[in-house]
Amino acid sequence: MGRILSIFNNLSLSKKIFILSVLSILVVY
């Protein structure tokens, strides 16, 4: 789990926003 968080923290802001928006769309769907 820590490795996934470190990879996520190393991403750029636009990639983080994209991943979070995709996840939120999937949750709402």
Full PDB file with SEQRES, HELIX, SHEET, SSBOND, CRYST1, ORIGX, SCALE, CONECT and MASTER records, all heavy atoms in Angstrom:
SEQRES   1 A   29  MET GLY ARG ILE LEU SER ILE PHE ASN ASN LEU SER LEU          
SEQRES   2 A   29  SER LYS LYS ILE PHE ILE LEU SER VAL LEU SER ILE LEU          
SEQRES   3 A   29  VAL VAL TYR                                                  
HELIX    1 AA1 GLY A    2  ASN A   10  1                                   9    
HELIX    2 AA2 LEU A   13  VAL A   28  1                                  16    
CRYST1    1.000    1.000    1.000  90.00  90.00  90.00 P 1           1          
ORIGX1      1.000000  0.000000  0.000000        0.00000                         
ORIGX2      0.000000  1.000000  0.000000        0.00000                         
ORIGX3      0.000000  0.000000  1.000000        0.00000                         
SCALE1      1.000000  0.000000  0.000000        0.00000                         
SCALE2      0.000000  1.000000  0.000000        0.00000                         
SCALE3      0.000000  0.000000  1.000000        0.00000                         
ATOM      1  N   MET A   1       0.827  -1.187   0.000  1.00  0.00           N  
ATOM      2  CA  MET A   1       0.000   0.000   0.000  1.00  0.00           C  
ATOM      3  C   MET A   1       0.873   1.253   0.000  1.00  0.00           C  
ATOM      4  O   MET A   1       0.543   2.228  -0.643  1.00  0.00           O  
ATOM      5  CB  MET A   1      -0.918  -0.045   1.233  1.00  0.00           C  
ATOM      6  CG  MET A   1      -1.892   1.074   1.294  1.00  0.00           C  
ATOM      7  SD  MET A   1      -3.153   0.809   0.061  1.00  0.00           S  
ATOM      8  CE  MET A   1      -4.234   2.117   0.423  1.00  0.00           C  
ATOM      9  N   GLY A   2       1.978   1.199   0.733  1.00  0.00           N  
ATOM     10  CA  GLY A   2       2.888   2.337   0.785  1.00  0.00           C  
ATOM     11  C   GLY A   2       3.523   2.603  -0.564  1.00  0.00           C  
ATOM     12  O   GLY A   2       3.785   3.759  -0.930  1.00  0.00           O  
ATOM     13  N   ARG A   3       3.782   1.540  -1.309  1.00  0.00           N  
ATOM     14  CA  ARG A   3       4.390   1.697  -2.643  1.00  0.00           C  
ATOM     15  C   ARG A   3       3.415   2.398  -3.596  1.00  0.00           C  
ATOM     16  O   ARG A   3       3.828   3.255  -4.377  1.00  0.00           O  
ATOM     17  CB  ARG A   3       4.783   0.323  -3.176  1.00  0.00           C  
ATOM     18  CG  ARG A   3       5.410   0.353  -4.543  1.00  0.00           C  
ATOM     19  CD  ARG A   3       6.135  -0.952  -4.831  1.00  0.00           C  
ATOM     20  NE  ARG A   3       6.457  -1.137  -6.223  1.00  0.00           N  
ATOM     21  CZ  ARG A   3       7.444  -0.548  -6.865  1.00  0.00           C  
ATOM     22  NH1 ARG A   3       8.224   0.301  -6.213  1.00  0.00           N  
ATOM     23  NH2 ARG A   3       7.685  -0.789  -8.131  1.00  0.00           N  
ATOM     24  N   ILE A   4       2.139   2.059  -3.482  1.00  0.00           N  
ATOM     25  CA  ILE A   4       1.137   2.699  -4.345  1.00  0.00           C  
ATOM     26  C   ILE A   4       1.021   4.182  -4.002  1.00  0.00           C  
ATOM     27  O   ILE A   4       0.944   5.027  -4.897  1.00  0.00           O  
ATOM     28  CB  ILE A   4      -0.224   1.986  -4.192  1.00  0.00           C  
ATOM     29  CG1 ILE A   4      -0.140   0.557  -4.727  1.00  0.00           C  
ATOM     30  CG2 ILE A   4      -1.332   2.735  -4.921  1.00  0.00           C  
ATOM     31  CD1 ILE A   4      -1.367  -0.286  -4.482  1.00  0.00           C  
ATOM     32  N   LEU A   5       1.060   4.495  -2.701  1.00  0.00           N  
ATOM     33  CA  LEU A   5       0.996   5.906  -2.295  1.00  0.00           C  
ATOM     34  C   LEU A   5       2.226   6.671  -2.762  1.00  0.00           C  
ATOM     35  O   LEU A   5       2.113   7.835  -3.188  1.00  0.00           O  
ATOM     36  CB  LEU A   5       0.858   6.016  -0.774  1.00  0.00           C  
ATOM     37  CG  LEU A   5      -0.538   5.766  -0.214  1.00  0.00           C  
ATOM     38  CD1 LEU A   5      -0.514   5.827   1.306  1.00  0.00           C  
ATOM     39  CD2 LEU A   5      -1.517   6.774  -0.761  1.00  0.00           C  
ATOM     40  N   SER A   6       3.390   6.070  -2.717  1.00  0.00           N  
ATOM     41  CA  SER A   6       4.610   6.764  -3.157  1.00  0.00           C  
ATOM     42  C   SER A   6       4.558   6.998  -4.670  1.00  0.00           C  
ATOM     43  O   SER A   6       4.988   8.044  -5.153  1.00  0.00           O  
ATOM     44  CB  SER A   6       5.859   5.994  -2.760  1.00  0.00           C  
ATOM     45  OG  SER A   6       5.931   4.761  -3.450  1.00  0.00           O  
ATOM     46  N   ILE A   7       4.044   6.009  -5.422  1.00  0.00           N  
ATOM     47  CA  ILE A   7       3.903   6.206  -6.875  1.00  0.00           C  
ATOM     48  C   ILE A   7       2.903   7.316  -7.145  1.00  0.00           C  
ATOM     49  O   ILE A   7       3.118   8.183  -8.007  1.00  0.00           O  
ATOM     50  CB  ILE A   7       3.473   4.881  -7.565  1.00  0.00           C  
ATOM     51  CG1 ILE A   7       4.595   3.859  -7.494  1.00  0.00           C  
ATOM     52  CG2 ILE A   7       3.063   5.123  -9.006  1.00  0.00           C  
ATOM     53  CD1 ILE A   7       4.208   2.479  -7.990  1.00  0.00           C  
ATOM     54  N   PHE A   8       1.784   7.317  -6.398  1.00  0.00           N  
ATOM     55  CA  PHE A   8       0.751   8.344  -6.583  1.00  0.00           C  
ATOM     56  C   PHE A   8       1.295   9.728  -6.229  1.00  0.00           C  
ATOM     57  O   PHE A   8       0.992  10.709  -6.919  1.00  0.00           O  
ATOM     58  CB  PHE A   8      -0.472   8.005  -5.717  1.00  0.00           C  
ATOM     59  CG  PHE A   8      -1.632   8.939  -5.923  1.00  0.00           C  
ATOM     60  CD1 PHE A   8      -2.395   8.870  -7.079  1.00  0.00           C  
ATOM     61  CD2 PHE A   8      -1.953   9.888  -4.972  1.00  0.00           C  
ATOM     62  CE1 PHE A   8      -3.457   9.729  -7.270  1.00  0.00           C  
ATOM     63  CE2 PHE A   8      -3.008  10.745  -5.170  1.00  0.00           C  
ATOM     64  CZ  PHE A   8      -3.775  10.667  -6.319  1.00  0.00           C  
ATOM     65  N   ASN A   9       2.099   9.828  -5.179  1.00  0.00           N  
ATOM     66  CA  ASN A   9       2.663  11.114  -4.778  1.00  0.00           C  
ATOM     67  C   ASN A   9       3.678  11.635  -5.793  1.00  0.00           C  
ATOM     68  O   ASN A   9       3.890  12.843  -5.907  1.00  0.00           O  
ATOM     69  CB  ASN A   9       3.307  11.015  -3.393  1.00  0.00           C  
ATOM     70  CG  ASN A   9       2.268  10.913  -2.300  1.00  0.00           C  
ATOM     71  OD1 ASN A   9       1.147  11.383  -2.471  1.00  0.00           O  
ATOM     72  ND2 ASN A   9       2.635  10.288  -1.195  1.00  0.00           N  
ATOM     73  N   ASN A  10       4.335  10.753  -6.521  1.00  0.00           N  
ATOM     74  CA  ASN A  10       5.331  11.159  -7.512  1.00  0.00           C  
ATOM     75  C   ASN A  10       4.702  11.623  -8.825  1.00  0.00           C  
ATOM     76  O   ASN A  10       5.393  12.156  -9.680  1.00  0.00           O  
ATOM     77  CB  ASN A  10       6.311  10.023  -7.791  1.00  0.00           C  
ATOM     78  CG  ASN A  10       7.226   9.755  -6.616  1.00  0.00           C  
ATOM     79  OD1 ASN A  10       7.475  10.648  -5.805  1.00  0.00           O  
ATOM     80  ND2 ASN A  10       7.718   8.539  -6.512  1.00  0.00           N  
ATOM     81  N   LEU A  11       3.402  11.397  -9.009  1.00  0.00           N  
ATOM     82  CA  LEU A  11       2.739  11.818 -10.250  1.00  0.00           C  
ATOM     83  C   LEU A  11       2.540  13.328 -10.256  1.00  0.00           C  
ATOM     84  O   LEU A  11       2.491  13.981  -9.216  1.00  0.00           O  
ATOM     85  CB  LEU A  11       1.381  11.115 -10.382  1.00  0.00           C  
ATOM     86  CG  LEU A  11       1.407   9.593 -10.568  1.00  0.00           C  
ATOM     87  CD1 LEU A  11      -0.014   9.060 -10.575  1.00  0.00           C  
ATOM     88  CD2 LEU A  11       2.127   9.214 -11.846  1.00  0.00           C  
ATOM     89  N   SER A  12       2.363  13.858 -11.455  1.00  0.00           N  
ATOM     90  CA  SER A  12       2.088  15.287 -11.571  1.00  0.00           C  
ATOM     91  C   SER A  12       0.658  15.566 -11.115  1.00  0.00           C  
ATOM     92  O   SER A  12      -0.168  14.671 -10.995  1.00  0.00           O  
ATOM     93  CB  SER A  12       2.280  15.742 -13.016  1.00  0.00           C  
ATOM     94  OG  SER A  12       1.300  15.146 -13.841  1.00  0.00           O  
ATOM     95  N   LEU A  13       0.377  16.839 -10.884  1.00  0.00           N  
ATOM     96  CA  LEU A  13      -0.932  17.251 -10.384  1.00  0.00           C  
ATOM     97  C   LEU A  13      -2.037  16.891 -11.374  1.00  0.00           C  
ATOM     98  O   LEU A  13      -3.112  16.422 -10.973  1.00  0.00           O  
ATOM     99  CB  LEU A  13      -0.929  18.757 -10.094  1.00  0.00           C  
ATOM    100  CG  LEU A  13      -2.212  19.312  -9.486  1.00  0.00           C  
ATOM    101  CD1 LEU A  13      -2.509  18.630  -8.156  1.00  0.00           C  
ATOM    102  CD2 LEU A  13      -2.105  20.805  -9.334  1.00  0.00           C  
ATOM    103  N   SER A  14      -1.788  17.087 -12.673  1.00  0.00           N  
ATOM    104  CA  SER A  14      -2.825  16.773 -13.668  1.00  0.00           C  
ATOM    105  C   SER A  14      -3.117  15.270 -13.694  1.00  0.00           C  
ATOM    106  O   SER A  14      -4.277  14.859 -13.834  1.00  0.00           O  
ATOM    107  CB  SER A  14      -2.392  17.263 -15.045  1.00  0.00           C  
ATOM    108  OG  SER A  14      -1.207  16.609 -15.454  1.00  0.00           O  
ATOM    109  N   LYS A  15      -2.118  14.424 -13.537  1.00  0.00           N  
ATOM    110  CA  LYS A  15      -2.344  12.976 -13.506  1.00  0.00           C  
ATOM    111  C   LYS A  15      -3.100  12.566 -12.240  1.00  0.00           C  
ATOM    112  O   LYS A  15      -3.958  11.686 -12.279  1.00  0.00           O  
ATOM    113  CB  LYS A  15      -1.023  12.223 -13.604  1.00  0.00           C  
ATOM    114  CG  LYS A  15      -0.414  12.301 -14.991  1.00  0.00           C  
ATOM    115  CD  LYS A  15       0.869  11.518 -15.067  1.00  0.00           C  
ATOM    116  CE  LYS A  15       1.476  11.668 -16.474  1.00  0.00           C  
ATOM    117  NZ  LYS A  15       2.736  10.943 -16.581  1.00  0.00           N  
ATOM    118  N   LYS A  16      -2.778  13.209 -11.110  1.00  0.00           N  
ATOM    119  CA  LYS A  16      -3.492  12.918  -9.871  1.00  0.00           C  
ATOM    120  C   LYS A  16      -4.975  13.284 -10.013  1.00  0.00           C  
ATOM    121  O   LYS A  16      -5.856  12.514  -9.618  1.00  0.00           O  
ATOM    122  CB  LYS A  16      -2.883  13.693  -8.703  1.00  0.00           C  
ATOM    123  CG  LYS A  16      -1.557  13.191  -8.239  1.00  0.00           C  
ATOM    124  CD  LYS A  16      -1.053  14.036  -7.083  1.00  0.00           C  
ATOM    125  CE  LYS A  16       0.332  13.602  -6.643  1.00  0.00           C  
ATOM    126  NZ  LYS A  16       0.844  14.460  -5.584  1.00  0.00           N  
ATOM    127  N   ILE A  17      -5.224  14.467 -10.575  1.00  0.00           N  
ATOM    128  CA  ILE A  17      -6.612  14.904 -10.773  1.00  0.00           C  
ATOM    129  C   ILE A  17      -7.336  13.958 -11.720  1.00  0.00           C  
ATOM    130  O   ILE A  17      -8.489  13.579 -11.489  1.00  0.00           O  
ATOM    131  CB  ILE A  17      -6.658  16.358 -11.284  1.00  0.00           C  
ATOM    132  CG1 ILE A  17      -6.188  17.301 -10.175  1.00  0.00           C  
ATOM    133  CG2 ILE A  17      -8.066  16.728 -11.741  1.00  0.00           C  
ATOM    134  CD1 ILE A  17      -6.035  18.726 -10.609  1.00  0.00           C  
ATOM    135  N   PHE A  18      -6.668  13.524 -12.782  1.00  0.00           N  
ATOM    136  CA  PHE A  18      -7.278  12.602 -13.746  1.00  0.00           C  
ATOM    137  C   PHE A  18      -7.618  11.273 -13.072  1.00  0.00           C  
ATOM    138  O   PHE A  18      -8.730  10.743 -13.235  1.00  0.00           O  
ATOM    139  CB  PHE A  18      -6.336  12.379 -14.934  1.00  0.00           C  
ATOM    140  CG  PHE A  18      -6.855  11.382 -15.918  1.00  0.00           C  
ATOM    141  CD1 PHE A  18      -7.873  11.714 -16.788  1.00  0.00           C  
ATOM    142  CD2 PHE A  18      -6.332  10.089 -15.951  1.00  0.00           C  
ATOM    143  CE1 PHE A  18      -8.368  10.786 -17.680  1.00  0.00           C  
ATOM    144  CE2 PHE A  18      -6.806   9.161 -16.843  1.00  0.00           C  
ATOM    145  CZ  PHE A  18      -7.833   9.505 -17.722  1.00  0.00           C  
ATOM    146  N   ILE A  19      -6.702  10.713 -12.306  1.00  0.00           N  
ATOM    147  CA  ILE A  19      -6.937   9.427 -11.634  1.00  0.00           C  
ATOM    148  C   ILE A  19      -8.073   9.554 -10.620  1.00  0.00           C  
ATOM    149  O   ILE A  19      -8.964   8.702 -10.552  1.00  0.00           O  
ATOM    150  CB  ILE A  19      -5.643   8.916 -10.969  1.00  0.00           C  
ATOM    151  CG1 ILE A  19      -4.639   8.507 -12.047  1.00  0.00           C  
ATOM    152  CG2 ILE A  19      -5.928   7.762 -10.028  1.00  0.00           C  
ATOM    153  CD1 ILE A  19      -3.280   8.150 -11.505  1.00  0.00           C  
ATOM    154  N   LEU A  20      -8.067  10.640  -9.843  1.00  0.00           N  
ATOM    155  CA  LEU A  20      -9.126  10.833  -8.854  1.00  0.00           C  
ATOM    156  C   LEU A  20     -10.482  11.057  -9.525  1.00  0.00           C  
ATOM    157  O   LEU A  20     -11.513  10.561  -9.032  1.00  0.00           O  
ATOM    158  CB  LEU A  20      -8.784  12.000  -7.931  1.00  0.00           C  
ATOM    159  CG  LEU A  20      -7.631  11.749  -6.969  1.00  0.00           C  
ATOM    160  CD1 LEU A  20      -7.314  13.011  -6.176  1.00  0.00           C  
ATOM    161  CD2 LEU A  20      -7.949  10.594  -6.039  1.00  0.00           C  
ATOM    162  N   SER A  21     -10.520  11.762 -10.638  1.00  0.00           N  
ATOM    163  CA  SER A  21     -11.796  11.974 -11.323  1.00  0.00           C  
ATOM    164  C   SER A  21     -12.313  10.669 -11.927  1.00  0.00           C  
ATOM    165  O   SER A  21     -13.513  10.387 -11.885  1.00  0.00           O  
ATOM    166  CB  SER A  21     -11.664  13.061 -12.396  1.00  0.00           C  
ATOM    167  OG  SER A  21     -10.759  12.652 -13.398  1.00  0.00           O  
ATOM    168  N   VAL A  22     -11.414   9.853 -12.479  1.00  0.00           N  
ATOM    169  CA  VAL A  22     -11.834   8.543 -13.015  1.00  0.00           C  
ATOM    170  C   VAL A  22     -12.378   7.667 -11.886  1.00  0.00           C  
ATOM    171  O   VAL A  22     -13.416   7.019 -12.041  1.00  0.00           O  
ATOM    172  CB  VAL A  22     -10.656   7.854 -13.750  1.00  0.00           C  
ATOM    173  CG1 VAL A  22     -10.971   6.392 -14.026  1.00  0.00           C  
ATOM    174  CG2 VAL A  22     -10.347   8.581 -15.038  1.00  0.00           C  
ATOM    175  N   LEU A  23     -11.696   7.654 -10.758  1.00  0.00           N  
ATOM    176  CA  LEU A  23     -12.171   6.862  -9.622  1.00  0.00           C  
ATOM    177  C   LEU A  23     -13.523   7.357  -9.107  1.00  0.00           C  
ATOM    178  O   LEU A  23     -14.410   6.562  -8.801  1.00  0.00           O  
ATOM    179  CB  LEU A  23     -11.139   6.874  -8.496  1.00  0.00           C  
ATOM    180  CG  LEU A  23      -9.875   6.049  -8.730  1.00  0.00           C  
ATOM    181  CD1 LEU A  23      -8.898   6.239  -7.577  1.00  0.00           C  
ATOM    182  CD2 LEU A  23     -10.221   4.584  -8.907  1.00  0.00           C  
ATOM    183  N   SER A  24     -13.681   8.669  -9.020  1.00  0.00           N  
ATOM    184  CA  SER A  24     -14.956   9.213  -8.538  1.00  0.00           C  
ATOM    185  C   SER A  24     -16.082   8.918  -9.538  1.00  0.00           C  
ATOM    186  O   SER A  24     -17.215   8.623  -9.139  1.00  0.00           O  
ATOM    187  CB  SER A  24     -14.857  10.699  -8.239  1.00  0.00           C  
ATOM    188  OG  SER A  24     -14.506  11.401  -9.411  1.00  0.00           O  
ATOM    189  N   ILE A  25     -15.797   8.972 -10.839  1.00  0.00           N  
ATOM    190  CA  ILE A  25     -16.807   8.634 -11.851  1.00  0.00           C  
ATOM    191  C   ILE A  25     -17.205   7.163 -11.714  1.00  0.00           C  
ATOM    192  O   ILE A  25     -18.387   6.821 -11.778  1.00  0.00           O  
ATOM    193  CB  ILE A  25     -16.291   8.944 -13.267  1.00  0.00           C  
ATOM    194  CG1 ILE A  25     -16.246  10.449 -13.478  1.00  0.00           C  
ATOM    195  CG2 ILE A  25     -17.149   8.279 -14.323  1.00  0.00           C  
ATOM    196  CD1 ILE A  25     -15.553  10.866 -14.754  1.00  0.00           C  
ATOM    197  N   LEU A  26     -16.228   6.292 -11.509  1.00  0.00           N  
ATOM    198  CA  LEU A  26     -16.526   4.870 -11.340  1.00  0.00           C  
ATOM    199  C   LEU A  26     -17.364   4.609 -10.085  1.00  0.00           C  
ATOM    200  O   LEU A  26     -18.285   3.786 -10.098  1.00  0.00           O  
ATOM    201  CB  LEU A  26     -15.237   4.058 -11.297  1.00  0.00           C  
ATOM    202  CG  LEU A  26     -14.491   3.908 -12.626  1.00  0.00           C  
ATOM    203  CD1 LEU A  26     -13.174   3.181 -12.406  1.00  0.00           C  
ATOM    204  CD2 LEU A  26     -15.353   3.166 -13.629  1.00  0.00           C  
ATOM    205  N   VAL A  27     -17.054   5.314  -9.009  1.00  0.00           N  
ATOM    206  CA  VAL A  27     -17.821   5.147  -7.769  1.00  0.00           C  
ATOM    207  C   VAL A  27     -19.258   5.620  -7.965  1.00  0.00           C  
ATOM    208  O   VAL A  27     -20.211   4.924  -7.587  1.00  0.00           O  
ATOM    209  CB  VAL A  27     -17.134   5.894  -6.601  1.00  0.00           C  
ATOM    210  CG1 VAL A  27     -18.059   5.995  -5.395  1.00  0.00           C  
ATOM    211  CG2 VAL A  27     -15.836   5.215  -6.223  1.00  0.00           C  
ATOM    212  N   VAL A  28     -19.428   6.783  -8.572  1.00  0.00           N  
ATOM    213  CA  VAL A  28     -20.781   7.305  -8.807  1.00  0.00           C  
ATOM    214  C   VAL A  28     -21.552   6.380  -9.747  1.00  0.00           C  
ATOM    215  O   VAL A  28     -22.726   6.077  -9.522  1.00  0.00           O  
ATOM    216  CB  VAL A  28     -20.720   8.747  -9.367  1.00  0.00           C  
ATOM    217  CG1 VAL A  28     -22.073   9.199  -9.876  1.00  0.00           C  
ATOM    218  CG2 VAL A  28     -20.202   9.697  -8.310  1.00  0.00           C  
ATOM    219  N   TYR A  29     -20.894   5.904 -10.800  1.00  0.00           N  
ATOM    220  CA  TYR A  29     -21.540   4.986 -11.736  1.00  0.00           C  
ATOM    221  C   TYR A  29     -21.970   3.705 -11.030  1.00  0.00           C  
ATOM    222  O   TYR A  29     -23.075   3.197 -11.245  1.00  0.00           O  
ATOM    223  CB  TYR A  29     -20.597   4.653 -12.897  1.00  0.00           C  
ATOM    224  CG  TYR A  29     -21.148   3.618 -13.833  1.00  0.00           C  
ATOM    225  CD1 TYR A  29     -22.125   3.936 -14.763  1.00  0.00           C  
ATOM    226  CD2 TYR A  29     -20.710   2.292 -13.767  1.00  0.00           C  
ATOM    227  CE1 TYR A  29     -22.643   2.984 -15.612  1.00  0.00           C  
ATOM    228  CE2 TYR A  29     -21.222   1.329 -14.608  1.00  0.00           C  
ATOM    229  CZ  TYR A  29     -22.184   1.678 -15.536  1.00  0.00           C  
ATOM    230  OH  TYR A  29     -22.702   0.733 -16.358  1.00  0.00           O  
TER     231      TYR A  29                                                      
MASTER        0    0    0    2    0    0    0    6  230    1    0    3          
END                                                                             
